[in-house]
Amino acid sequence: MKYDTLSKFGLNWAGYIPVDTAYIWNPESYLPKGSILGIEAPLWTETVSNIEELEYLAFPRAIGYAELGWTIEENRDWDDYKVRLANQTHYLDRMNIKYFPSSLIEWKNKQDLDSTYVSD
C-alpha cells in the first residue's frame, strides 16, 4: 500500500499506511493476548516492476514491523522509535536501499551522524 497520497509506488485500495501507522499497529488488539505466534508484513508486487520500487514500498516499514514483532507493546514508543529510525539513514544509504523518505522522520545525513558521535 502507498504511504500517503504523494507516494510514487503502490496502491491504495486498502488505504494508506504511513510509517507511524505501521509502527503503532497492534495485532494483539484483534486477538487474545498470547495467541499470536508472530507477524507478517506482506508486500503485494503486482505493480512493482523493479527492486527500487520494492525497496521503496518495504523500507522503512519493514524496520518498524521487525521491532513490532520482537518488542512487547509496553516497550514500544513512536517518539523514541522515529529518532532511532532517523539514525539508520547512513546504513540504508550505504546499502543503497531506495527507501521512502517519510516526512514524519527527521532523516539524518552522514554529517549529522558524525557530529552525534564525536567525543570530547
C-alpha atoms as a PDB file:
ATOM      1  CA  MET A   1       0.000   0.000   0.000  1.00  0.00           C
ATOM      2  CA  LYS A   2       1.075   3.574  -0.556  1.00  0.00           C
ATOM      3  CA  TYR A   3       2.430   5.578   2.361  1.00  0.00           C
ATOM      4  CA  ASP A   4       0.350   8.632   1.510  1.00  0.00           C
ATOM      5  CA  THR A   5      -1.283  10.424  -1.419  1.00  0.00           C
ATOM      6  CA  LEU A   6       2.132  11.569  -2.700  1.00  0.00           C
ATOM      7  CA  SER A   7       3.728   8.095  -2.777  1.00  0.00           C
ATOM      8  CA  LYS A   8       5.190   7.216  -6.165  1.00  0.00           C
ATOM      9  CA  PHE A   9       4.550   3.478  -5.931  1.00  0.00           C
ATOM     10  CA  GLY A  10       1.947   1.128  -4.528  1.00  0.00           C
ATOM     11  CA  LEU A  11      -1.817   1.005  -4.406  1.00  0.00           C
ATOM     12  CA  ASN A  12      -4.371   2.498  -2.030  1.00  0.00           C
ATOM     13  CA  TRP A  13      -7.345   0.133  -2.209  1.00  0.00           C
ATOM     14  CA  ALA A  14      -6.852  -0.772   1.479  1.00  0.00           C
ATOM     15  CA  GLY A  15      -5.958   2.779   2.469  1.00  0.00           C
ATOM     16  CA  TYR A  16      -2.622   4.430   3.139  1.00  0.00           C
ATOM     17  CA  ILE A  17      -0.075   3.020   5.582  1.00  0.00           C
ATOM     18  CA  PRO A  18       2.338   5.735   6.704  1.00  0.00           C
ATOM     19  CA  VAL A  19       5.453   4.876   8.688  1.00  0.00           C
ATOM     20  CA  ASP A  20       3.855   5.757  12.033  1.00  0.00           C
ATOM     21  CA  THR A  21       0.724   3.682  11.365  1.00  0.00           C
ATOM     22  CA  ALA A  22       2.871   0.664  10.520  1.00  0.00           C
ATOM     23  CA  TYR A  23       4.810   1.041  13.781  1.00  0.00           C
ATOM     24  CA  ILE A  24       1.850   1.807  16.053  1.00  0.00           C
ATOM     25  CA  TRP A  25      -0.230  -1.113  14.714  1.00  0.00           C
ATOM     26  CA  ASN A  26      -1.016  -3.579  17.492  1.00  0.00           C
ATOM     27  CA  PRO A  27      -2.009  -7.061  16.296  1.00  0.00           C
ATOM     28  CA  GLU A  28      -2.913  -8.060  19.863  1.00  0.00           C
ATOM     29  CA  SER A  29      -5.874  -5.680  19.712  1.00  0.00           C
ATOM     30  CA  TYR A  30      -7.532  -8.168  17.329  1.00  0.00           C
ATOM     31  CA  LEU A  31      -6.910 -11.430  19.199  1.00  0.00           C
ATOM     32  CA  PRO A  32      -6.488 -12.507  22.809  1.00  0.00           C
ATOM     33  CA  LYS A  33      -3.082 -11.722  24.317  1.00  0.00           C
ATOM     34  CA  GLY A  34      -0.674 -14.627  23.909  1.00  0.00           C
ATOM     35  CA  SER A  35      -2.454 -16.131  20.909  1.00  0.00           C
ATOM     36  CA  ILE A  36      -0.164 -14.549  18.297  1.00  0.00           C
ATOM     37  CA  LEU A  37       2.963 -16.514  17.391  1.00  0.00           C
ATOM     38  CA  GLY A  38       4.389 -13.924  15.005  1.00  0.00           C
ATOM     39  CA  ILE A  39       3.528 -11.262  12.479  1.00  0.00           C
ATOM     40  CA  GLU A  40       3.895 -10.875   8.744  1.00  0.00           C
ATOM     41  CA  ALA A  41       4.031  -7.833   6.539  1.00  0.00           C
ATOM     42  CA  PRO A  42       3.064  -8.941   3.036  1.00  0.00           C
ATOM     43  CA  LEU A  43       4.078  -6.848   0.067  1.00  0.00           C
ATOM     44  CA  TRP A  44       1.903  -7.333  -3.000  1.00  0.00           C
ATOM     45  CA  THR A  45       4.066  -6.922  -6.056  1.00  0.00           C
ATOM     46  CA  GLU A  46       1.567  -6.832  -8.896  1.00  0.00           C
ATOM     47  CA  THR A  47       2.518  -3.199  -9.568  1.00  0.00           C
ATOM     48  CA  VAL A  48       6.230  -3.499  -8.692  1.00  0.00           C
ATOM     49  CA  SER A  49       8.488  -3.555 -11.735  1.00  0.00           C
ATOM     50  CA  ASN A  50      11.992  -3.394 -10.205  1.00  0.00           C
ATOM     51  CA  ILE A  51      13.970  -3.722  -6.962  1.00  0.00           C
ATOM     52  CA  GLU A  52      13.951   0.037  -6.314  1.00  0.00           C
ATOM     53  CA  GLU A  53      10.145   0.095  -6.232  1.00  0.00           C
ATOM     54  CA  LEU A  54      10.100  -2.942  -3.947  1.00  0.00           C
ATOM     55  CA  GLU A  55      12.593  -1.305  -1.533  1.00  0.00           C
ATOM     56  CA  TYR A  56      10.577   1.920  -1.561  1.00  0.00           C
ATOM     57  CA  LEU A  57       7.451   0.039  -0.509  1.00  0.00           C
ATOM     58  CA  ALA A  58       9.236  -2.163   2.039  1.00  0.00           C
ATOM     59  CA  PHE A  59      11.528   0.360   3.756  1.00  0.00           C
ATOM     60  CA  PRO A  60      11.347   1.848   6.286  1.00  0.00           C
ATOM     61  CA  ARG A  61       8.153  -0.027   7.201  1.00  0.00           C
ATOM     62  CA  ALA A  62       9.959  -3.402   7.393  1.00  0.00           C
ATOM     63  CA  ILE A  63      12.215  -1.998  10.111  1.00  0.00           C
ATOM     64  CA  GLY A  64       9.193  -0.950  12.162  1.00  0.00           C
ATOM     65  CA  TYR A  65       7.415  -4.262  11.608  1.00  0.00           C
ATOM     66  CA  ALA A  66      10.513  -6.126  12.758  1.00  0.00           C
ATOM     67  CA  GLU A  67      10.577  -4.166  16.004  1.00  0.00           C
ATOM     68  CA  LEU A  68       6.851  -4.641  16.405  1.00  0.00           C
ATOM     69  CA  GLY A  69       7.362  -8.387  16.129  1.00  0.00           C
ATOM     70  CA  TRP A  70      10.012  -8.666  18.846  1.00  0.00           C
ATOM     71  CA  THR A  71       9.026  -5.898  21.261  1.00  0.00           C
ATOM     72  CA  ILE A  72       6.075  -6.035  23.632  1.00  0.00           C
ATOM     73  CA  GLU A  73       3.607  -3.194  23.300  1.00  0.00           C
ATOM     74  CA  GLU A  74       4.566  -1.600  26.627  1.00  0.00           C
ATOM     75  CA  ASN A  75       8.143  -1.137  25.364  1.00  0.00           C
ATOM     76  CA  ARG A  76       7.225   0.415  22.017  1.00  0.00           C
ATOM     77  CA  ASP A  77       7.280   4.193  21.763  1.00  0.00           C
ATOM     78  CA  TRP A  78       6.801   6.048  18.464  1.00  0.00           C
ATOM     79  CA  ASP A  79       8.693   9.174  19.578  1.00  0.00           C
ATOM     80  CA  ASP A  80      11.730   7.103  20.583  1.00  0.00           C
ATOM     81  CA  TYR A  81      11.492   4.872  17.535  1.00  0.00           C
ATOM     82  CA  LYS A  82      11.372   7.688  14.975  1.00  0.00           C
ATOM     83  CA  VAL A  83      14.651   9.095  16.354  1.00  0.00           C
ATOM     84  CA  ARG A  84      16.278   5.663  16.186  1.00  0.00           C
ATOM     85  CA  LEU A  85      14.916   5.155  12.677  1.00  0.00           C
ATOM     86  CA  ALA A  86      16.309   8.520  11.570  1.00  0.00           C
ATOM     87  CA  ASN A  87      19.730   7.356  12.736  1.00  0.00           C
ATOM     88  CA  GLN A  88      19.547   4.421  10.289  1.00  0.00           C
ATOM     89  CA  THR A  89      19.836   6.755   7.271  1.00  0.00           C
ATOM     90  CA  HIS A  90      23.556   6.147   6.868  1.00  0.00           C
ATOM     91  CA  TYR A  91      23.078   2.355   6.852  1.00  0.00           C
ATOM     92  CA  LEU A  92      20.183   2.463   4.410  1.00  0.00           C
ATOM     93  CA  ASP A  93      22.150   4.768   2.114  1.00  0.00           C
ATOM     94  CA  ARG A  94      25.307   2.665   2.436  1.00  0.00           C
ATOM     95  CA  MET A  95      23.346  -0.419   1.387  1.00  0.00           C
ATOM     96  CA  ASN A  96      21.848   1.644  -1.454  1.00  0.00           C
ATOM     97  CA  ILE A  97      18.295   0.921  -0.316  1.00  0.00           C
ATOM     98  CA  LYS A  98      15.794   3.163  -2.094  1.00  0.00           C
ATOM     99  CA  TYR A  99      13.572   3.745   0.962  1.00  0.00           C
ATOM    100  CA  PHE A 100      10.570   6.039   1.247  1.00  0.00           C
ATOM    101  CA  PRO A 101      11.808   9.331   2.797  1.00  0.00           C
ATOM    102  CA  SER A 102       8.805   9.884   5.060  1.00  0.00           C
ATOM    103  CA  SER A 103       8.314  13.466   6.209  1.00  0.00           C
ATOM    104  CA  LEU A 104       7.399  12.027   9.628  1.00  0.00           C
ATOM    105  CA  ILE A 105      11.079  11.208  10.181  1.00  0.00           C
ATOM    106  CA  GLU A 106      13.897  13.731  10.594  1.00  0.00           C
ATOM    107  CA  TRP A 107      16.317  11.696   8.479  1.00  0.00           C
ATOM    108  CA  LYS A 108      19.974  12.150   9.381  1.00  0.00           C
ATOM    109  CA  ASN A 109      22.659  12.637   6.807  1.00  0.00           C
ATOM    110  CA  LYS A 110      26.192  11.358   7.333  1.00  0.00           C
ATOM    111  CA  GLN A 111      27.378  14.701   8.691  1.00  0.00           C
ATOM    112  CA  ASP A 112      24.591  14.718  11.306  1.00  0.00           C
ATOM    113  CA  LEU A 113      25.556  11.232  12.430  1.00  0.00           C
ATOM    114  CA  ASP A 114      29.283  12.008  12.509  1.00  0.00           C
ATOM    115  CA  SER A 115      28.686  15.045  14.733  1.00  0.00           C
ATOM    116  CA  THR A 116      26.463  12.970  17.048  1.00  0.00           C
ATOM    117  CA  TYR A 117      29.266  10.516  17.786  1.00  0.00           C
ATOM    118  CA  VAL A 118      32.147  12.975  18.165  1.00  0.00           C
ATOM    119  CA  SER A 119      33.597  12.682  21.657  1.00  0.00           C
ATOM    120  CA  ASP A 120      35.208  15.485  23.607  1.00  0.00           C
END
